[in-house]
Amino acid sequence: MSIFENLKIPAESLYNKKCKVYEYTTSRDTATGIDSTKESEKYNDVPCRISYKSIPNASQTDTGSSLTQSIRLFCSPDYDIQPGSKISCQGKVYKSSGEPAVYTSHQEIELILEQEWA
């Protein structure tokens, strides 16, 4: 066991929340031949931690105020979370915004709050 694998246990001790991970899958209706996308739950009760990097700023546009904030999800690298997955954690819903940064001890995923308008 390497020194980096030994860091996994202390990193996981910091997880103070549980989240659900949803992925979008494409299925074809055999009767009509129409492809449709549906949301399906991939993981339930994933131990995690959410980090807020900045205080939310409101940007005024012609159509409303947009909130911007850097939100990052930390969880075990054992979970295969794809880019574009939807993540629900304690009543808040987030969109995954890219490839997870996977390390030996943990993975980091940038999130976007699904409700961005003030």
PDB file of N, CA and C in Angstrom:
ATOM      1  N   MET A   1       0.858  -1.185   0.000  1.00  0.00           N
ATOM      2  CA  MET A   1       0.000   0.000   0.000  1.00  0.00           C
ATOM      3  C   MET A   1       0.897   1.238   0.000  1.00  0.00           C
ATOM      4  N   SER A   2       0.628   2.139  -0.946  1.00  0.00           N
ATOM      5  CA  SER A   2       1.452   3.342  -1.058  1.00  0.00           C
ATOM      6  C   SER A   2       1.008   4.398  -0.044  1.00  0.00           C
ATOM      7  N   ILE A   3       1.827   5.416   0.098  1.00  0.00           N
ATOM      8  CA  ILE A   3       1.512   6.503   1.028  1.00  0.00           C
ATOM      9  C   ILE A   3       0.241   7.234   0.591  1.00  0.00           C
ATOM     10  N   PHE A   4       0.010   7.320  -0.733  1.00  0.00           N
ATOM     11  CA  PHE A   4      -1.176   8.005  -1.230  1.00  0.00           C
ATOM     12  C   PHE A   4      -2.459   7.234  -0.919  1.00  0.00           C
ATOM     13  N   GLU A   5      -2.385   5.908  -0.951  1.00  0.00           N
ATOM     14  CA  GLU A   5      -3.547   5.093  -0.596  1.00  0.00           C
ATOM     15  C   GLU A   5      -3.863   5.208   0.891  1.00  0.00           C
ATOM     16  N   ASN A   6      -2.841   5.463   1.716  1.00  0.00           N
ATOM     17  CA  ASN A   6      -3.061   5.675   3.146  1.00  0.00           C
ATOM     18  C   ASN A   6      -3.791   6.980   3.426  1.00  0.00           C
ATOM     19  N   LEU A   7      -3.759   7.926   2.503  1.00  0.00           N
ATOM     20  CA  LEU A   7      -4.457   9.207   2.674  1.00  0.00           C
ATOM     21  C   LEU A   7      -5.960   9.092   2.457  1.00  0.00           C
ATOM     22  N   LYS A   8      -6.402   7.993   1.877  1.00  0.00           N
ATOM     23  CA  LYS A   8      -7.821   7.819   1.567  1.00  0.00           C
ATOM     24  C   LYS A   8      -8.678   7.790   2.841  1.00  0.00           C
ATOM     25  N   ILE A   9      -8.228   7.134   3.876  1.00  0.00           N
ATOM     26  CA  ILE A   9      -9.002   7.020   5.118  1.00  0.00           C
ATOM     27  C   ILE A   9      -9.175   8.376   5.809  1.00  0.00           C
ATOM     28  N   PRO A  10      -8.104   9.176   5.990  1.00  0.00           N
ATOM     29  CA  PRO A  10      -8.314  10.500   6.580  1.00  0.00           C
ATOM     30  C   PRO A  10      -9.182  11.412   5.697  1.00  0.00           C
ATOM     31  N   ALA A  11      -9.038  11.305   4.377  1.00  0.00           N
ATOM     32  CA  ALA A  11      -9.847  12.132   3.477  1.00  0.00           C
ATOM     33  C   ALA A  11     -11.321  11.774   3.617  1.00  0.00           C
ATOM     34  N   GLU A  12     -11.628  10.487   3.686  1.00  0.00           N
ATOM     35  CA  GLU A  12     -13.023  10.055   3.808  1.00  0.00           C
ATOM     36  C   GLU A  12     -13.614  10.392   5.169  1.00  0.00           C
ATOM     37  N   SER A  13     -12.788  10.607   6.194  1.00  0.00           N
ATOM     38  CA  SER A  13     -13.314  10.986   7.504  1.00  0.00           C
ATOM     39  C   SER A  13     -13.879  12.408   7.492  1.00  0.00           C
ATOM     40  N   LEU A  14     -13.524  13.202   6.481  1.00  0.00           N
ATOM     41  CA  LEU A  14     -14.028  14.573   6.363  1.00  0.00           C
ATOM     42  C   LEU A  14     -15.395  14.652   5.696  1.00  0.00           C
ATOM     43  N   TYR A  15     -15.860  13.560   5.109  1.00  0.00           N
ATOM     44  CA  TYR A  15     -17.149  13.576   4.419  1.00  0.00           C
ATOM     45  C   TYR A  15     -18.267  13.715   5.440  1.00  0.00           C
ATOM     46  N   ASN A  16     -19.068  14.767   5.310  1.00  0.00           N
ATOM     47  CA  ASN A  16     -20.117  15.046   6.294  1.00  0.00           C
ATOM     48  C   ASN A  16     -21.519  15.073   5.686  1.00  0.00           C
ATOM     49  N   LYS A  17     -21.650  14.711   4.419  1.00  0.00           N
ATOM     50  CA  LYS A  17     -22.947  14.702   3.748  1.00  0.00           C
ATOM     51  C   LYS A  17     -23.096  13.428   2.943  1.00  0.00           C
ATOM     52  N   LYS A  18     -24.303  13.207   2.450  1.00  0.00           N
ATOM     53  CA  LYS A  18     -24.574  12.088   1.547  1.00  0.00           C
ATOM     54  C   LYS A  18     -25.299  12.660   0.332  1.00  0.00           C
ATOM     55  N   CYS A  19     -24.953  12.169  -0.842  1.00  0.00           N
ATOM     56  CA  CYS A  19     -25.591  12.679  -2.051  1.00  0.00           C
ATOM     57  C   CYS A  19     -26.084  11.538  -2.929  1.00  0.00           C
ATOM     58  N   LYS A  20     -26.952  11.901  -3.860  1.00  0.00           N
ATOM     59  CA  LYS A  20     -27.444  10.980  -4.877  1.00  0.00           C
ATOM     60  C   LYS A  20     -26.906  11.439  -6.213  1.00  0.00           C
ATOM     61  N   VAL A  21     -26.546  10.481  -7.060  1.00  0.00           N
ATOM     62  CA  VAL A  21     -26.007  10.791  -8.384  1.00  0.00           C
ATOM     63  C   VAL A  21     -26.963  10.232  -9.427  1.00  0.00           C
ATOM     64  N   TYR A  22     -27.364  11.104 -10.358  1.00  0.00           N
ATOM     65  CA  TYR A  22     -28.263  10.714 -11.446  1.00  0.00           C
ATOM     66  C   TYR A  22     -27.531  10.891 -12.764  1.00  0.00           C
ATOM     67  N   GLU A  23     -27.738   9.933 -13.677  1.00  0.00           N
ATOM     68  CA  GLU A  23     -27.182  10.040 -15.019  1.00  0.00           C
ATOM     69  C   GLU A  23     -28.314  10.014 -16.027  1.00  0.00           C
ATOM     70  N   TYR A  24     -28.049  10.586 -17.169  1.00  0.00           N
ATOM     71  CA  TYR A  24     -29.025  10.586 -18.247  1.00  0.00           C
ATOM     72  C   TYR A  24     -28.672   9.459 -19.209  1.00  0.00           C
ATOM     73  N   THR A  25     -29.651   8.606 -19.480  1.00  0.00           N
ATOM     74  CA  THR A  25     -29.444   7.489 -20.392  1.00  0.00           C
ATOM     75  C   THR A  25     -30.409   7.617 -21.568  1.00  0.00           C
ATOM     76  N   THR A  26     -29.983   7.139 -22.713  1.00  0.00           N
ATOM     77  CA  THR A  26     -30.814   7.167 -23.909  1.00  0.00           C
ATOM     78  C   THR A  26     -31.430   5.794 -24.117  1.00  0.00           C
ATOM     79  N   SER A  27     -32.722   5.778 -24.373  1.00  0.00           N
ATOM     80  CA  SER A  27     -33.404   4.520 -24.645  1.00  0.00           C
ATOM     81  C   SER A  27     -34.290   4.699 -25.874  1.00  0.00           C
ATOM     82  N   ARG A  28     -34.528   3.613 -26.574  1.00  0.00           N
ATOM     83  CA  ARG A  28     -35.336   3.651 -27.786  1.00  0.00           C
ATOM     84  C   ARG A  28     -36.654   2.924 -27.533  1.00  0.00           C
ATOM     85  N   ASP A  29     -37.737   3.583 -27.866  1.00  0.00           N
ATOM     86  CA  ASP A  29     -39.067   2.979 -27.785  1.00  0.00           C
ATOM     87  C   ASP A  29     -39.200   2.014 -28.955  1.00  0.00           C
ATOM     88  N   THR A  30     -39.376   0.724 -28.660  1.00  0.00           N
ATOM     89  CA  THR A  30     -39.426  -0.277 -29.718  1.00  0.00           C
ATOM     90  C   THR A  30     -40.661  -0.125 -30.606  1.00  0.00           C
ATOM     91  N   ALA A  31     -41.741   0.371 -30.060  1.00  0.00           N
ATOM     92  CA  ALA A  31     -42.965   0.526 -30.850  1.00  0.00           C
ATOM     93  C   ALA A  31     -42.859   1.668 -31.859  1.00  0.00           C
ATOM     94  N   THR A  32     -42.292   2.802 -31.433  1.00  0.00           N
ATOM     95  CA  THR A  32     -42.236   3.976 -32.310  1.00  0.00           C
ATOM     96  C   THR A  32     -40.859   4.207 -32.920  1.00  0.00           C
ATOM     97  N   GLY A  33     -39.814   3.623 -32.329  1.00  0.00           N
ATOM     98  CA  GLY A  33     -38.461   3.840 -32.818  1.00  0.00           C
ATOM     99  C   GLY A  33     -37.875   5.183 -32.425  1.00  0.00           C
ATOM    100  N   ILE A  34     -38.525   5.887 -31.503  1.00  0.00           N
ATOM    101  CA  ILE A  34     -38.076   7.207 -31.078  1.00  0.00           C
ATOM    102  C   ILE A  34     -37.116   7.062 -29.896  1.00  0.00           C
ATOM    103  N   ASP A  35     -35.981   7.752 -30.003  1.00  0.00           N
ATOM    104  CA  ASP A  35     -35.020   7.785 -28.901  1.00  0.00           C
ATOM    105  C   ASP A  35     -35.432   8.849 -27.906  1.00  0.00           C
ATOM    106  N   SER A  36     -35.297   8.540 -26.626  1.00  0.00           N
ATOM    107  CA  SER A  36     -35.591   9.523 -25.589  1.00  0.00           C
ATOM    108  C   SER A  36     -34.530   9.426 -24.502  1.00  0.00           C
ATOM    109  N   THR A  37     -34.348  10.531 -23.818  1.00  0.00           N
ATOM    110  CA  THR A  37     -33.383  10.594 -22.728  1.00  0.00           C
ATOM    111  C   THR A  37     -34.136  10.610 -21.415  1.00  0.00           C
ATOM    112  N   LYS A  38     -33.698   9.765 -20.488  1.00  0.00           N
ATOM    113  CA  LYS A  38     -34.342   9.768 -19.179  1.00  0.00           C
ATOM    114  C   LYS A  38     -33.278   9.795 -18.089  1.00  0.00           C
ATOM    115  N   GLU A  39     -33.694  10.314 -16.963  1.00  0.00           N
ATOM    116  CA  GLU A  39     -32.816  10.427 -15.813  1.00  0.00           C
ATOM    117  C   GLU A  39     -32.957   9.173 -14.961  1.00  0.00           C
ATOM    118  N   SER A  40     -31.830   8.563 -14.600  1.00  0.00           N
ATOM    119  CA  SER A  40     -31.884   7.381 -13.748  1.00  0.00           C
ATOM    120  C   SER A  40     -30.870   7.522 -12.615  1.00  0.00           C
ATOM    121  N   GLU A  41     -31.239   7.017 -11.452  1.00  0.00           N
ATOM    122  CA  GLU A  41     -30.364   7.104 -10.288  1.00  0.00           C
ATOM    123  C   GLU A  41     -29.250   6.076 -10.417  1.00  0.00           C
ATOM    124  N   LYS A  42     -28.005   6.553 -10.338  1.00  0.00           N
ATOM    125  CA  LYS A  42     -26.856   5.657 -10.447  1.00  0.00           C
ATOM    126  C   LYS A  42     -26.331   5.256  -9.076  1.00  0.00           C
ATOM    127  N   TYR A  43     -26.200   6.236  -8.164  1.00  0.00           N
ATOM    128  CA  TYR A  43     -25.710   5.974  -6.811  1.00  0.00           C
ATOM    129  C   TYR A  43     -26.620   6.665  -5.812  1.00  0.00           C
ATOM    130  N   ASN A  44     -26.762   6.047  -4.648  1.00  0.00           N
ATOM    131  CA  ASN A  44     -27.565   6.604  -3.561  1.00  0.00           C
ATOM    132  C   ASN A  44     -26.705   6.616  -2.299  1.00  0.00           C
ATOM    133  N   ASP A  45     -26.841   7.640  -1.482  1.00  0.00           N
ATOM    134  CA  ASP A  45     -26.106   7.758  -0.217  1.00  0.00           C
ATOM    135  C   ASP A  45     -24.589   7.688  -0.387  1.00  0.00           C
ATOM    136  N   VAL A  46     -24.068   8.480  -1.305  1.00  0.00           N
ATOM    137  CA  VAL A  46     -22.623   8.564  -1.513  1.00  0.00           C
ATOM    138  C   VAL A  46     -22.051   9.523  -0.463  1.00  0.00           C
ATOM    139  N   PRO A  47     -21.147   9.061   0.408  1.00  0.00           N
ATOM    140  CA  PRO A  47     -20.524   9.962   1.373  1.00  0.00           C
ATOM    141  C   PRO A  47     -19.708  11.027   0.634  1.00  0.00           C
ATOM    142  N   CYS A  48     -19.894  12.287   1.018  1.00  0.00           N
ATOM    143  CA  CYS A  48     -19.232  13.365   0.293  1.00  0.00           C
ATOM    144  C   CYS A  48     -19.052  14.596   1.174  1.00  0.00           C
ATOM    145  N   ARG A  49     -18.407  15.582   0.594  1.00  0.00           N
ATOM    146  CA  ARG A  49     -18.246  16.894   1.219  1.00  0.00           C
ATOM    147  C   ARG A  49     -18.357  17.929   0.113  1.00  0.00           C
ATOM    148  N   ILE A  50     -19.041  19.024   0.407  1.00  0.00           N
ATOM    149  CA  ILE A  50     -19.183  20.094  -0.570  1.00  0.00           C
ATOM    150  C   ILE A  50     -18.423  21.308  -0.054  1.00  0.00           C
ATOM    151  N   SER A  51     -17.609  21.879  -0.923  1.00  0.00           N
ATOM    152  CA  SER A  51     -16.809  23.040  -0.579  1.00  0.00           C
ATOM    153  C   SER A  51     -17.258  24.218  -1.424  1.00  0.00           C
ATOM    154  N   TYR A  52     -17.463  25.369  -0.760  1.00  0.00           N
ATOM    155  CA  TYR A  52     -17.819  26.608  -1.440  1.00  0.00           C
ATOM    156  C   TYR A  52     -16.580  27.477  -1.445  1.00  0.00           C
ATOM    157  N   LYS A  53     -16.087  27.788  -2.647  1.00  0.00           N
ATOM    158  CA  LYS A  53     -14.826  28.507  -2.770  1.00  0.00           C
ATOM    159  C   LYS A  53     -14.975  30.013  -2.617  1.00  0.00           C
ATOM    160  N   SER A  54     -16.140  30.553  -2.877  1.00  0.00           N
ATOM    161  CA  SER A  54     -16.315  31.997  -2.794  1.00  0.00           C
ATOM    162  C   SER A  54     -17.727  32.331  -2.333  1.00  0.00           C
ATOM    163  N   ILE A  55     -17.909  33.554  -1.955  1.00  0.00           N
ATOM    164  CA  ILE A  55     -19.241  34.039  -1.586  1.00  0.00           C
ATOM    165  C   ILE A  55     -19.977  34.344  -2.890  1.00  0.00           C
ATOM    166  N   PRO A  56     -21.274  34.016  -2.976  1.00  0.00           N
ATOM    167  CA  PRO A  56     -21.982  34.242  -4.237  1.00  0.00           C
ATOM    168  C   PRO A  56     -22.015  35.716  -4.642  1.00  0.00           C
ATOM    169  N   ASN A  57     -21.770  35.939  -5.902  1.00  0.00           N
ATOM    170  CA  ASN A  57     -21.882  37.274  -6.481  1.00  0.00           C
ATOM    171  C   ASN A  57     -23.091  37.293  -7.399  1.00  0.00           C
ATOM    172  N   ALA A  58     -23.787  38.394  -7.440  1.00  0.00           N
ATOM    173  CA  ALA A  58     -24.912  38.530  -8.358  1.00  0.00           C
ATOM    174  C   ALA A  58     -24.476  39.403  -9.520  1.00  0.00           C
ATOM    175  N   SER A  59     -24.632  38.886 -10.726  1.00  0.00           N
ATOM    176  CA  SER A  59     -24.309  39.643 -11.926  1.00  0.00           C
ATOM    177  C   SER A  59     -25.605  40.066 -12.587  1.00  0.00           C
ATOM    178  N   GLN A  60     -25.785  41.350 -12.773  1.00  0.00           N
ATOM    179  CA  GLN A  60     -27.008  41.870 -13.373  1.00  0.00           C
ATOM    180  C   GLN A  60     -26.912  41.773 -14.892  1.00  0.00           C
ATOM    181  N   THR A  61     -27.945  41.197 -15.509  1.00  0.00           N
ATOM    182  CA  THR A  61     -28.040  41.145 -16.962  1.00  0.00           C
ATOM    183  C   THR A  61     -29.360  41.769 -17.382  1.00  0.00           C
ATOM    184  N   ASP A  62     -29.622  41.812 -18.680  1.00  0.00           N
ATOM    185  CA  ASP A  62     -30.876  42.368 -19.175  1.00  0.00           C
ATOM    186  C   ASP A  62     -32.086  41.557 -18.737  1.00  0.00           C
ATOM    187  N   THR A  63     -31.881  40.254 -18.528  1.00  0.00           N
ATOM    188  CA  THR A  63     -33.011  39.378 -18.210  1.00  0.00           C
ATOM    189  C   THR A  63     -33.126  39.020 -16.738  1.00  0.00           C
ATOM    190  N   GLY A  64     -32.163  39.373 -15.910  1.00  0.00           N
ATOM    191  CA  GLY A  64     -32.240  39.058 -14.479  1.00  0.00           C
ATOM    192  C   GLY A  64     -30.877  39.057 -13.848  1.00  0.00           C
ATOM    193  N   SER A  65     -30.807  38.584 -12.621  1.00  0.00           N
ATOM    194  CA  SER A  65     -29.547  38.498 -11.895  1.00  0.00           C
ATOM    195  C   SER A  65     -29.066  37.062 -11.911  1.00  0.00           C
ATOM    196  N   SER A  66     -27.815  36.872 -12.243  1.00  0.00           N
ATOM    197  CA  SER A  66     -27.214  35.546 -12.289  1.00  0.00           C
ATOM    198  C   SER A  66     -26.262  35.402 -11.106  1.00  0.00           C
ATOM    199  N   LEU A  67     -26.370  34.296 -10.374  1.00  0.00           N
ATOM    200  CA  LEU A  67     -25.470  34.035  -9.254  1.00  0.00           C
ATOM    201  C   LEU A  67     -24.310  33.164  -9.720  1.00  0.00           C
ATOM    202  N   THR A  68     -23.092  33.546  -9.363  1.00  0.00           N
ATOM    203  CA  THR A  68     -21.929  32.729  -9.689  1.00  0.00           C
ATOM    204  C   THR A  68     -21.201  32.373  -8.403  1.00  0.00           C
ATOM    205  N   GLN A  69     -20.822  31.093  -8.313  1.00  0.00           N
ATOM    206  CA  GLN A  69     -20.129  30.618  -7.130  1.00  0.00           C
ATOM    207  C   GLN A  69     -19.375  29.354  -7.508  1.00  0.00           C
ATOM    208  N   SER A  70     -18.187  29.166  -6.953  1.00  0.00           N
ATOM    209  CA  SER A  70     -17.397  27.976  -7.211  1.00  0.00           C
ATOM    210  C   SER A  70     -17.760  26.916  -6.166  1.00  0.00           C
ATOM    211  N   ILE A  71     -18.358  25.822  -6.626  1.00  0.00           N
ATOM    212  CA  ILE A  71     -18.799  24.746  -5.737  1.00  0.00           C
ATOM    213  C   ILE A  71     -18.080  23.476  -6.161  1.00  0.00           C
ATOM    214  N   ARG A  72     -17.516  22.771  -5.203  1.00  0.00           N
ATOM    215  CA  ARG A  72     -16.768  21.559  -5.504  1.00  0.00           C
ATOM    216  C   ARG A  72     -17.236  20.413  -4.608  1.00  0.00           C
ATOM    217  N   LEU A  73     -17.440  19.249  -5.222  1.00  0.00           N
ATOM    218  CA  LEU A  73     -17.835  18.033  -4.517  1.00  0.00           C
ATOM    219  C   LEU A  73     -16.608  17.149  -4.346  1.00  0.00           C
ATOM    220  N   PHE A  74     -16.389  16.677  -3.130  1.00  0.00           N
ATOM    221  CA  PHE A  74     -15.314  15.735  -2.837  1.00  0.00           C
ATOM    222  C   PHE A  74     -15.960  14.411  -2.465  1.00  0.00           C
ATOM    223  N   CYS A  75     -15.512  13.318  -3.073  1.00  0.00           N
ATOM    224  CA  CYS A  75     -16.012  11.989  -2.714  1.00  0.00           C
ATOM    225  C   CYS A  75     -14.953  10.943  -3.062  1.00  0.00           C
ATOM    226  N   SER A  76     -15.255   9.706  -2.750  1.00  0.00           N
ATOM    227  CA  SER A  76     -14.323   8.607  -2.973  1.00  0.00           C
ATOM    228  C   SER A  76     -14.107   8.371  -4.468  1.00  0.00           C
ATOM    229  N   PRO A  77     -12.903   7.976  -4.861  1.00  0.00           N
ATOM    230  CA  PRO A  77     -12.650   7.676  -6.270  1.00  0.00           C
ATOM    231  C   PRO A  77     -13.290   6.361  -6.720  1.00  0.00           C
ATOM    232  N   ASP A  78     -13.901   5.638  -5.786  1.00  0.00           N
ATOM    233  CA  ASP A  78     -14.548   4.362  -6.112  1.00  0.00           C
ATOM    234  C   ASP A  78     -15.823   4.552  -6.934  1.00  0.00           C
ATOM    235  N   TYR A  79     -16.380   5.754  -6.945  1.00  0.00           N
ATOM    236  CA  TYR A  79     -17.607   6.038  -7.678  1.00  0.00           C
ATOM    237  C   TYR A  79     -17.262   6.603  -9.051  1.00  0.00           C
ATOM    238  N   ASP A  80     -17.868   6.038 -10.079  1.00  0.00           N
ATOM    239  CA  ASP A  80     -17.651   6.491 -11.451  1.00  0.00           C
ATOM    240  C   ASP A  80     -18.729   7.515 -11.805  1.00  0.00           C
ATOM    241  N   ILE A  81     -18.415   8.787 -11.576  1.00  0.00           N
ATOM    242  CA  ILE A  81     -19.371   9.868 -11.830  1.00  0.00           C
ATOM    243  C   ILE A  81     -18.989  10.531 -13.145  1.00  0.00           C
ATOM    244  N   GLN A  82     -19.885  10.450 -14.099  1.00  0.00           N
ATOM    245  CA  GLN A  82     -19.636  10.963 -15.444  1.00  0.00           C
ATOM    246  C   GLN A  82     -19.882  12.464 -15.525  1.00  0.00           C
ATOM    247  N   PRO A  83     -19.199  13.152 -16.441  1.00  0.00           N
ATOM    248  CA  PRO A  83     -19.486  14.571 -16.659  1.00  0.00           C
ATOM    249  C   PRO A  83     -20.945  14.743 -17.088  1.00  0.00           C
ATOM    250  N   GLY A  84     -21.582  15.789 -16.601  1.00  0.00           N
ATOM    251  CA  GLY A  84     -22.976  16.046 -16.943  1.00  0.00           C
ATOM    252  C   GLY A  84     -23.974  15.363 -16.031  1.00  0.00           C
ATOM    253  N   SER A  85     -23.501  14.632 -15.027  1.00  0.00           N
ATOM    254  CA  SER A  85     -24.412  13.977 -14.081  1.00  0.00           C
ATOM    255  C   SER A  85     -25.096  15.022 -13.219  1.00  0.00           C
ATOM    256  N   LYS A  86     -26.272  14.676 -12.724  1.00  0.00           N
ATOM    257  CA  LYS A  86     -27.002  15.539 -11.794  1.00  0.00           C
ATOM    258  C   LYS A  86     -26.763  15.001 -10.391  1.00  0.00           C
ATOM    259  N   ILE A  87     -26.476  15.886  -9.454  1.00  0.00           N
ATOM    260  CA  ILE A  87     -26.162  15.474  -8.088  1.00  0.00           C
ATOM    261  C   ILE A  87     -27.086  16.198  -7.129  1.00  0.00           C
ATOM    262  N   SER A  88     -27.713  15.437  -6.254  1.00  0.00           N
ATOM    263  CA  SER A  88     -28.630  15.987  -5.262  1.00  0.00           C
ATOM    264  C   SER A  88     -28.031  15.742  -3.881  1.00  0.00           C
ATOM    265  N   CYS A  89     -27.893  16.829  -3.108  1.00  0.00           N
ATOM    266  CA  CYS A  89     -27.296  16.711  -1.782  1.00  0.00           C
ATOM    267  C   CYS A  89     -28.061  17.592  -0.807  1.00  0.00           C
ATOM    268  N   GLN A  90     -28.718  16.968   0.138  1.00  0.00           N
ATOM    269  CA  GLN A  90     -29.451  17.651   1.206  1.00  0.00           C
ATOM    270  C   GLN A  90     -30.370  18.756   0.677  1.00  0.00           C
ATOM    271  N   GLY A  91     -31.187  18.412  -0.297  1.00  0.00           N
ATOM    272  CA  GLY A  91     -32.200  19.327  -0.797  1.00  0.00           C
ATOM    273  C   GLY A  91     -31.745  20.267  -1.894  1.00  0.00           C
ATOM    274  N   LYS A  92     -30.464  20.325  -2.180  1.00  0.00           N
ATOM    275  CA  LYS A  92     -29.972  21.165  -3.271  1.00  0.00           C
ATOM    276  C   LYS A  92     -29.607  20.286  -4.454  1.00  0.00           C
ATOM    277  N   VAL A  93     -29.896  20.783  -5.654  1.00  0.00           N
ATOM    278  CA  VAL A  93     -29.634  20.022  -6.871  1.00  0.00           C
ATOM    279  C   VAL A  93     -28.553  20.743  -7.664  1.00  0.00           C
ATOM    280  N   TYR A  94     -27.544  19.974  -8.080  1.00  0.00           N
ATOM    281  CA  TYR A  94     -26.406  20.523  -8.807  1.00  0.00           C
ATOM    282  C   TYR A  94     -26.257  19.814 -10.144  1.00  0.00           C
ATOM    283  N   LYS A  95     -25.661  20.531 -11.108  1.00  0.00           N
ATOM    284  CA  LYS A  95     -25.264  19.942 -12.376  1.00  0.00           C
ATOM    285  C   LYS A  95     -23.755  19.773 -12.319  1.00  0.00           C
ATOM    286  N   SER A  96     -23.276  18.629 -12.771  1.00  0.00           N
ATOM    287  CA  SER A  96     -21.835  18.424 -12.855  1.00  0.00           C
ATOM    288  C   SER A  96     -21.329  19.170 -14.083  1.00  0.00           C
ATOM    289  N   SER A  97     -20.188  19.823 -13.970  1.00  0.00           N
ATOM    290  CA  SER A  97     -19.755  20.684 -15.060  1.00  0.00           C
ATOM    291  C   SER A  97     -18.485  20.221 -15.748  1.00  0.00           C
ATOM    292  N   GLY A  98     -18.161  18.981 -15.678  1.00  0.00           N
ATOM    293  CA  GLY A  98     -16.966  18.542 -16.395  1.00  0.00           C
ATOM    294  C   GLY A  98     -16.399  17.256 -15.850  1.00  0.00           C
ATOM    295  N   GLU A  99     -15.212  16.943 -16.353  1.00  0.00           N
ATOM    296  CA  GLU A  99     -14.517  15.727 -15.942  1.00  0.00           C
ATOM    297  C   GLU A  99     -14.111  15.814 -14.479  1.00  0.00           C
ATOM    298  N   PRO A 100     -14.343  14.740 -13.718  1.00  0.00           N
ATOM    299  CA  PRO A 100     -13.865  14.732 -12.335  1.00  0.00           C
ATOM    300  C   PRO A 100     -12.339  14.638 -12.305  1.00  0.00           C
ATOM    301  N   ALA A 101     -11.734  15.308 -11.353  1.00  0.00           N
ATOM    302  CA  ALA A 101     -10.302  15.168 -11.107  1.00  0.00           C
ATOM    303  C   ALA A 101     -10.152  14.021 -10.118  1.00  0.00           C
ATOM    304  N   VAL A 102      -9.705  12.859 -10.598  1.00  0.00           N
ATOM    305  CA  VAL A 102      -9.640  11.657  -9.776  1.00  0.00           C
ATOM    306  C   VAL A 102      -8.216  11.452  -9.277  1.00  0.00           C
ATOM    307  N   TYR A 103      -8.093  11.372  -7.958  1.00  0.00           N
ATOM    308  CA  TYR A 103      -6.826  11.118  -7.300  1.00  0.00           C
ATOM    309  C   TYR A 103      -6.915   9.785  -6.565  1.00  0.00           C
ATOM    310  N   THR A 104      -5.806   9.309  -6.024  1.00  0.00           N
ATOM    311  CA  THR A 104      -5.802   8.040  -5.295  1.00  0.00           C
ATOM    312  C   THR A 104      -6.673   8.111  -4.050  1.00  0.00           C
ATOM    313  N   SER A 105      -6.665   9.256  -3.377  1.00  0.00           N
ATOM    314  CA  SER A 105      -7.377   9.388  -2.112  1.00  0.00           C
ATOM    315  C   SER A 105      -8.802   9.902  -2.253  1.00  0.00           C
ATOM    316  N   HIS A 106      -9.108  10.640  -3.333  1.00  0.00           N
ATOM    317  CA  HIS A 106     -10.430  11.245  -3.479  1.00  0.00           C
ATOM    318  C   HIS A 106     -10.625  11.703  -4.930  1.00  0.00           C
ATOM    319  N   GLN A 107     -11.815  12.198  -5.216  1.00  0.00           N
ATOM    320  CA  GLN A 107     -12.050  12.860  -6.494  1.00  0.00           C
ATOM    321  C   GLN A 107     -12.758  14.179  -6.245  1.00  0.00           C
ATOM    322  N   GLU A 108     -12.504  15.130  -7.126  1.00  0.00           N
ATOM    323  CA  GLU A 108     -13.100  16.459  -7.015  1.00  0.00           C
ATOM    324  C   GLU A 108     -13.909  16.730  -8.274  1.00  0.00           C
ATOM    325  N   ILE A 109     -15.140  17.222  -8.081  1.00  0.00           N
ATOM    326  CA  ILE A 109     -16.018  17.499  -9.203  1.00  0.00           C
ATOM    327  C   ILE A 109     -16.567  18.907  -9.048  1.00  0.00           C
ATOM    328  N   GLU A 110     -16.345  19.732 -10.052  1.00  0.00           N
ATOM    329  CA  GLU A 110     -16.912  21.084 -10.054  1.00  0.00           C
ATOM    330  C   GLU A 110     -18.411  20.974 -10.304  1.00  0.00           C
ATOM    331  N   LEU A 111     -19.189  21.694  -9.522  1.00  0.00           N
ATOM    332  CA  LEU A 111     -20.639  21.654  -9.639  1.00  0.00           C
ATOM    333  C   LEU A 111     -21.196  23.027  -9.964  1.00  0.00           C
ATOM    334  N   ILE A 112     -22.372  23.018 -10.559  1.00  0.00           N
ATOM    335  CA  ILE A 112     -23.116  24.242 -10.828  1.00  0.00           C
ATOM    336  C   ILE A 112     -24.486  24.059 -10.198  1.00  0.00           C
ATOM    337  N   LEU A 113     -24.896  25.015  -9.383  1.00  0.00           N
ATOM    338  CA  LEU A 113     -26.213  24.958  -8.771  1.00  0.00           C
ATOM    339  C   LEU A 113     -27.256  25.027  -9.882  1.00  0.00           C
ATOM    340  N   GLU A 114     -28.219  24.098  -9.873  1.00  0.00           N
ATOM    341  CA  GLU A 114     -29.174  24.020 -10.975  1.00  0.00           C
ATOM    342  C   GLU A 114     -30.027  25.272 -11.066  1.00  0.00           C
ATOM    343  N   GLN A 115     -30.367  25.881  -9.924  1.00  0.00           N
ATOM    344  CA  GLN A 115     -31.131  27.128  -9.899  1.00  0.00           C
ATOM    345  C   GLN A 115     -30.131  28.268  -9.803  1.00  0.00           C
ATOM    346  N   GLU A 116     -29.771  28.880 -10.944  1.00  0.00           N
ATOM    347  CA  GLU A 116     -28.731  29.903 -10.948  1.00  0.00           C
ATOM    348  C   GLU A 116     -29.270  31.322 -10.879  1.00  0.00           C
ATOM    349  N   TRP A 117     -30.538  31.532 -11.073  1.00  0.00           N
ATOM    350  CA  TRP A 117     -31.065  32.905 -11.146  1.00  0.00           C
ATOM    351  C   TRP A 117     -31.590  33.355  -9.801  1.00  0.00           C
ATOM    352  N   ALA A 118     -31.321  34.579  -9.452  1.00  0.00           N
ATOM    353  CA  ALA A 118     -31.778  35.149  -8.177  1.00  0.00           C
ATOM    354  C   ALA A 118     -33.196  35.664  -8.327  1.00  0.00           C
TER     355      ALA A 118
END
